[in-house]
Amino acid sequence: MTEDRAAAPISRADAWQREHRTAAVGVATGKKFAEDHSTNLAALLAFWGFFSIFPLVLVAATLLGWLLPSDASADTLEEIRSYVPLIDFSSEGITGSWWAFVLGFLSALWGASGVTRTARFAFDSVWEVPPGERAGLARQTLDGLMAIGAVGLLLVASIFVTGFVSGTADDLDIGALGRVGGYALAVVVDVVAFIIAFRLLTSREVTTREVLPGAVLAGVGFWVLQSLSSVIISRYLQNAESTYGNFATVITILWWFYLSGILTLLGAQLNVVLRDRLWPRSLRSAAS
């Protein structure tokens, strides 16, 4: 009798979510995410993302030292440091040198290639692509390089748009409408980046329409996470660094990459659930 009373609320919730498409899709996405052990794949994405971010910043610092006047490059590097606070740029360190550029470029390319390889493995696993039908080394390499270039540029553009609107909009007096438009533009850029990633890094042939729902979920979530991380780093992490040192910064950045990986895989799972109509699912068992 006690077990029946305890099961009654679950049964009612299960019946309700089965009758409502949005809730049913959400439950199915969450269950498939758990069944595929997507958190482990998100951890791999976090590792490679963390590994690639520092040489990438080194490349950016070197290029800025070559292309911009010292004052402009210093201001830009200070903006970059708000996202990667472990790196402290000095006025002597931003003049640029060829060996720093080559070393940083090769290291960043290696780390970014690890991100794309892991993402392809994760997306193919989510879509349940048989091993024999997955892309070969040549296609993986080509698609990975295309994804690194396109997605990397778009995400950097989104970060700078968000930083510009939130940090310098008062000086230009763009108003509330300008702020909203800038934030909306940053979200659209993030969504486009995820569309490209989902299409390029999946061995299964998928259309833009099929990956759009997951790209919207991941893009909006990534922008929110990006904005929150900027606030946390600028307002709270400095105090934590004085107490815990660089350990606090490392943990914060790792968590940022891990949560970004989770958002990416949730978007991929949502696409599969909608494309293959894997809903509704039962709340009480792994079976449909």
Protein backbone atom coordinates (compact mmCIF):
# COMPACT_ATOMS: atom_id res chain seq x y z
CA MET A 1 0.00 0.00 0.00
CA THR A 2 2.83 2.38 0.89
CA GLU A 3 4.60 1.59 -2.39
CA ASP A 4 1.41 2.26 -4.34
CA ARG A 5 0.99 5.65 -2.66
CA ALA A 6 4.60 6.56 -3.42
CA ALA A 7 4.25 5.48 -7.05
CA ALA A 8 1.03 7.40 -7.64
CA PRO A 9 2.65 10.88 -8.03
CA ILE A 10 5.25 9.44 -10.39
CA SER A 11 2.56 7.78 -12.46
CA ARG A 12 0.61 11.02 -12.70
CA ALA A 13 3.73 12.97 -13.69
CA ASP A 14 4.58 10.30 -16.24
CA ALA A 15 1.12 10.45 -17.76
CA TRP A 16 1.26 14.25 -17.88
CA GLN A 17 4.63 14.44 -19.62
CA ARG A 18 3.55 11.85 -22.19
CA GLU A 19 0.60 14.06 -23.14
CA HIS A 20 2.69 17.25 -23.52
CA ARG A 21 5.18 17.26 -26.37
CA THR A 22 7.65 19.74 -24.91
CA ALA A 23 7.88 17.90 -21.60
CA ALA A 24 8.08 14.52 -23.33
CA VAL A 25 10.92 15.68 -25.58
CA GLY A 26 12.77 17.10 -22.56
CA VAL A 27 12.43 13.85 -20.61
CA ALA A 28 13.53 11.77 -23.61
CA THR A 29 16.54 14.02 -24.19
CA GLY A 30 17.61 13.82 -20.56
CA LYS A 31 17.24 10.04 -20.44
CA LYS A 32 19.17 9.51 -23.65
CA PHE A 33 21.87 11.88 -22.39
CA ALA A 34 22.24 9.74 -19.25
CA GLU A 35 22.09 6.40 -21.10
CA ASP A 36 24.84 7.45 -23.52
CA HIS A 37 27.10 8.51 -20.61
CA SER A 38 27.44 11.91 -22.24
CA THR A 39 29.02 13.44 -19.12
CA ASN A 40 32.15 11.37 -19.79
CA LEU A 41 32.34 12.75 -23.32
CA ALA A 42 31.82 16.27 -21.97
CA ALA A 43 34.81 15.73 -19.67
CA LEU A 44 36.97 14.79 -22.67
CA LEU A 45 35.83 17.92 -24.49
CA ALA A 46 36.73 19.96 -21.40
CA PHE A 47 40.22 18.47 -21.28
CA TRP A 48 41.04 19.24 -24.91
CA GLY A 49 39.40 22.66 -24.73
CA PHE A 50 41.44 23.58 -21.66
CA PHE A 51 44.60 22.28 -23.31
CA SER A 52 44.09 24.40 -26.43
CA ILE A 53 43.00 27.72 -24.89
CA PHE A 54 46.40 28.89 -23.62
CA PRO A 55 48.42 28.40 -26.82
CA LEU A 56 45.51 30.00 -28.69
CA VAL A 57 45.79 33.09 -26.49
CA LEU A 58 49.55 33.09 -27.12
CA VAL A 59 48.87 33.18 -30.87
CA ALA A 60 46.36 36.01 -30.39
CA ALA A 61 48.85 37.99 -28.30
CA THR A 62 51.56 37.58 -30.91
CA LEU A 63 49.31 38.62 -33.79
CA LEU A 64 48.10 41.64 -31.87
CA GLY A 65 51.67 42.61 -31.18
CA TRP A 66 52.40 42.51 -34.91
CA LEU A 67 49.24 44.14 -36.24
CA LEU A 68 48.16 46.77 -33.70
CA PRO A 69 49.78 49.73 -31.98
CA SER A 70 50.96 48.99 -28.46
CA ASP A 71 48.11 50.85 -26.73
CA ALA A 72 45.39 49.17 -28.80
CA SER A 73 46.90 45.71 -28.40
CA ALA A 74 47.25 46.19 -24.64
CA ASP A 75 43.57 47.12 -24.32
CA THR A 76 42.51 44.13 -26.40
CA LEU A 77 44.70 41.74 -24.43
CA GLU A 78 43.23 43.05 -21.20
CA GLU A 79 39.79 42.15 -22.57
CA ILE A 80 41.07 38.66 -23.41
CA ARG A 81 42.48 38.35 -19.90
CA SER A 82 38.98 38.85 -18.48
CA TYR A 83 38.16 35.45 -19.97
CA VAL A 84 41.53 33.74 -19.33
CA PRO A 85 42.80 35.32 -16.09
CA LEU A 86 45.70 32.89 -15.60
CA ILE A 87 47.64 34.74 -18.30
CA ASP A 88 49.13 38.10 -17.34
CA PHE A 89 50.29 40.16 -20.32
CA SER A 90 53.01 42.71 -19.79
CA SER A 91 53.89 45.56 -22.10
CA GLU A 92 57.08 43.74 -23.05
CA GLY A 93 55.23 40.52 -23.83
CA ILE A 94 52.96 41.76 -26.59
CA THR A 95 55.48 42.86 -29.20
CA GLY A 96 55.22 39.50 -30.98
CA SER A 97 57.88 36.97 -31.98
CA TRP A 98 57.89 34.31 -34.69
CA TRP A 99 58.86 31.42 -32.42
CA ALA A 100 56.02 32.20 -29.99
CA PHE A 101 53.59 32.32 -32.89
CA VAL A 102 54.74 28.99 -34.38
CA LEU A 103 54.80 27.22 -31.01
CA GLY A 104 51.43 28.59 -30.01
CA PHE A 105 49.87 27.87 -33.40
CA LEU A 106 51.01 24.23 -33.47
CA SER A 107 49.97 23.65 -29.86
CA ALA A 108 46.59 25.31 -30.38
CA LEU A 109 46.01 23.32 -33.57
CA TRP A 110 46.82 20.07 -31.78
CA GLY A 111 44.50 20.89 -28.88
CA ALA A 112 41.71 22.08 -31.17
CA SER A 113 42.08 18.91 -33.25
CA GLY A 114 41.55 16.95 -30.05
CA VAL A 115 38.32 18.88 -29.49
CA THR A 116 37.03 18.14 -33.01
CA ARG A 117 38.00 14.45 -32.84
CA THR A 118 36.26 14.05 -29.51
CA ALA A 119 33.23 15.99 -30.74
CA ARG A 120 32.96 13.79 -33.85
CA PHE A 121 33.17 10.64 -31.75
CA ALA A 122 30.53 12.03 -29.40
CA PHE A 123 28.16 13.12 -32.18
CA ASP A 124 28.53 9.81 -34.02
CA SER A 125 27.82 7.98 -30.75
CA VAL A 126 24.76 10.14 -30.10
CA TRP A 127 23.46 9.46 -33.62
CA GLU A 128 24.36 5.75 -33.24
CA VAL A 129 26.41 5.72 -36.44
CA PRO A 130 27.88 2.20 -36.94
CA PRO A 131 31.70 2.12 -36.79
CA GLY A 132 31.92 0.99 -40.42
CA GLU A 133 29.96 4.04 -41.58
CA ARG A 134 31.96 6.64 -39.71
CA ALA A 135 34.22 9.09 -41.52
CA GLY A 136 37.76 8.06 -42.36
CA LEU A 137 40.91 9.83 -41.29
CA ALA A 138 41.09 12.09 -44.36
CA ARG A 139 37.53 13.36 -44.00
CA GLN A 140 37.90 13.71 -40.23
CA THR A 141 41.00 15.84 -40.71
CA LEU A 142 39.45 18.04 -43.40
CA ASP A 143 36.16 18.52 -41.55
CA GLY A 144 38.05 19.15 -38.32
CA LEU A 145 40.17 21.90 -39.86
CA MET A 146 37.08 23.51 -41.40
CA ALA A 147 35.28 23.37 -38.06
CA ILE A 148 38.27 24.83 -36.21
CA GLY A 149 38.42 27.78 -38.59
CA ALA A 150 34.71 28.51 -38.92
CA VAL A 151 33.51 27.72 -35.40
CA GLY A 152 36.57 29.28 -33.78
CA LEU A 153 36.13 32.58 -35.61
CA LEU A 154 32.40 32.70 -34.85
CA LEU A 155 32.84 32.01 -31.14
CA VAL A 156 35.58 34.62 -30.86
CA ALA A 157 33.30 37.08 -32.67
CA SER A 158 30.49 36.30 -30.23
CA ILE A 159 32.77 36.90 -27.24
CA PHE A 160 33.95 40.25 -28.59
CA VAL A 161 30.41 41.38 -29.48
CA THR A 162 29.21 40.53 -25.98
CA GLY A 163 32.21 42.21 -24.39
CA PHE A 164 31.78 45.30 -26.53
CA VAL A 165 28.08 45.69 -25.75
CA SER A 166 28.46 45.04 -22.02
CA GLY A 167 31.74 46.89 -21.51
CA THR A 168 31.87 49.89 -23.86
CA ALA A 169 28.28 50.56 -24.87
CA ASP A 170 27.97 53.38 -22.32
CA ASP A 171 30.78 55.30 -23.99
CA LEU A 172 29.02 55.12 -27.36
CA ASP A 173 25.53 55.64 -25.92
CA ILE A 174 23.91 52.92 -28.04
CA GLY A 175 20.90 52.75 -25.73
CA ALA A 176 18.83 49.82 -24.53
CA LEU A 177 17.77 48.85 -28.06
CA GLY A 178 21.40 48.75 -29.17
CA ARG A 179 22.32 46.53 -26.24
CA VAL A 180 19.50 44.11 -26.97
CA GLY A 181 20.45 44.04 -30.64
CA GLY A 182 24.09 43.38 -29.78
CA TYR A 183 23.23 40.54 -27.43
CA ALA A 184 20.82 39.07 -30.01
CA LEU A 185 23.57 39.21 -32.64
CA ALA A 186 25.95 37.37 -30.31
CA VAL A 187 23.35 34.64 -29.70
CA VAL A 188 22.73 34.24 -33.45
CA VAL A 189 26.47 33.91 -34.05
CA ASP A 190 26.67 31.20 -31.36
CA VAL A 191 23.74 29.32 -32.91
CA VAL A 192 25.34 29.44 -36.37
CA ALA A 193 28.60 28.12 -34.87
CA PHE A 194 26.79 25.12 -33.39
CA ILE A 195 24.93 24.46 -36.64
CA ILE A 196 28.27 24.27 -38.44
CA ALA A 197 29.77 22.03 -35.75
CA PHE A 198 26.80 19.64 -35.71
CA ARG A 199 26.85 19.31 -39.50
CA LEU A 200 30.59 19.14 -40.12
CA LEU A 201 31.45 16.82 -37.24
CA THR A 202 28.73 14.20 -37.75
CA SER A 203 29.34 11.27 -40.09
CA ARG A 204 25.60 10.88 -40.64
CA GLU A 205 24.12 13.16 -43.27
CA VAL A 206 22.06 15.77 -41.41
CA THR A 207 20.40 18.94 -42.63
CA THR A 208 20.41 22.39 -41.08
CA ARG A 209 16.76 21.98 -40.17
CA GLU A 210 17.51 18.74 -38.33
CA VAL A 211 20.26 20.26 -36.20
CA LEU A 212 18.67 23.67 -35.68
CA PRO A 213 16.77 22.86 -32.42
CA GLY A 214 19.90 21.56 -30.71
CA ALA A 215 21.95 24.45 -32.07
CA VAL A 216 19.48 26.94 -30.59
CA LEU A 217 19.57 25.17 -27.22
CA ALA A 218 23.37 24.96 -27.17
CA GLY A 219 23.87 28.45 -28.63
CA VAL A 220 21.60 30.24 -26.17
CA GLY A 221 22.98 28.18 -23.27
CA PHE A 222 26.55 28.90 -24.33
CA TRP A 223 25.89 32.64 -24.51
CA VAL A 224 24.34 32.62 -21.02
CA LEU A 225 27.29 30.62 -19.69
CA GLN A 226 29.74 32.94 -21.43
CA SER A 227 28.08 36.03 -19.92
CA LEU A 228 27.94 34.52 -16.43
CA SER A 229 31.57 33.43 -16.60
CA SER A 230 32.65 36.96 -17.49
CA VAL A 231 30.84 38.32 -14.44
CA ILE A 232 32.24 35.61 -12.17
CA ILE A 233 35.81 36.12 -13.37
CA SER A 234 35.73 39.91 -13.19
CA ARG A 235 33.86 40.28 -9.89
CA TYR A 236 34.54 37.21 -7.78
CA LEU A 237 37.52 35.26 -9.07
CA GLN A 238 40.02 37.97 -8.18
CA ASN A 239 39.10 37.60 -4.50
CA ALA A 240 39.29 33.82 -4.76
CA GLU A 241 42.75 34.04 -6.35
CA SER A 242 44.06 35.99 -3.36
CA THR A 243 42.97 33.11 -1.11
CA TYR A 244 43.38 29.98 -3.22
CA GLY A 245 45.85 31.18 -5.87
CA ASN A 246 45.73 29.93 -9.44
CA PHE A 247 44.03 26.73 -8.29
CA ALA A 248 40.70 28.59 -8.14
CA THR A 249 41.18 29.87 -11.69
CA VAL A 250 42.04 26.43 -13.08
CA ILE A 251 38.96 24.89 -11.49
CA THR A 252 36.74 27.70 -12.79
CA ILE A 253 37.98 27.39 -16.36
CA LEU A 254 37.72 23.59 -16.30
CA TRP A 255 34.14 23.86 -15.08
CA TRP A 256 33.40 26.36 -17.85
CA PHE A 257 34.63 23.95 -20.51
CA TYR A 258 32.84 21.02 -18.87
CA LEU A 259 29.51 22.84 -18.77
CA SER A 260 30.04 23.96 -22.38
CA GLY A 261 30.57 20.31 -23.33
CA ILE A 262 27.38 19.29 -21.53
CA LEU A 263 25.41 21.99 -23.36
CA THR A 264 26.86 20.86 -26.69
CA LEU A 265 25.93 17.22 -26.11
CA LEU A 266 22.47 18.13 -24.83
CA GLY A 267 21.91 19.98 -28.10
CA ALA A 268 23.11 16.96 -30.09
CA GLN A 269 20.85 14.63 -28.09
CA LEU A 270 17.86 16.91 -28.66
CA ASN A 271 18.44 16.74 -32.42
CA VAL A 272 18.46 12.94 -32.35
CA VAL A 273 15.34 12.71 -30.20
CA LEU A 274 13.42 15.02 -32.54
CA ARG A 275 14.79 13.54 -35.78
CA ASP A 276 14.16 9.89 -34.83
CA ARG A 277 11.03 10.60 -32.72
CA LEU A 278 12.43 8.93 -29.61
CA TRP A 279 9.71 10.32 -27.37
CA PRO A 280 7.77 9.87 -25.14
CA ARG A 281 9.84 7.91 -22.63
CA SER A 282 8.77 6.49 -19.29
CA LEU A 283 9.90 8.25 -16.12
CA ARG A 284 10.11 4.98 -14.22
CA SER A 285 12.32 2.84 -16.44
CA ALA A 286 14.87 3.03 -19.25
CA ALA A 287 12.38 1.53 -21.65
CA SER A 288 10.13 3.67 -23.80
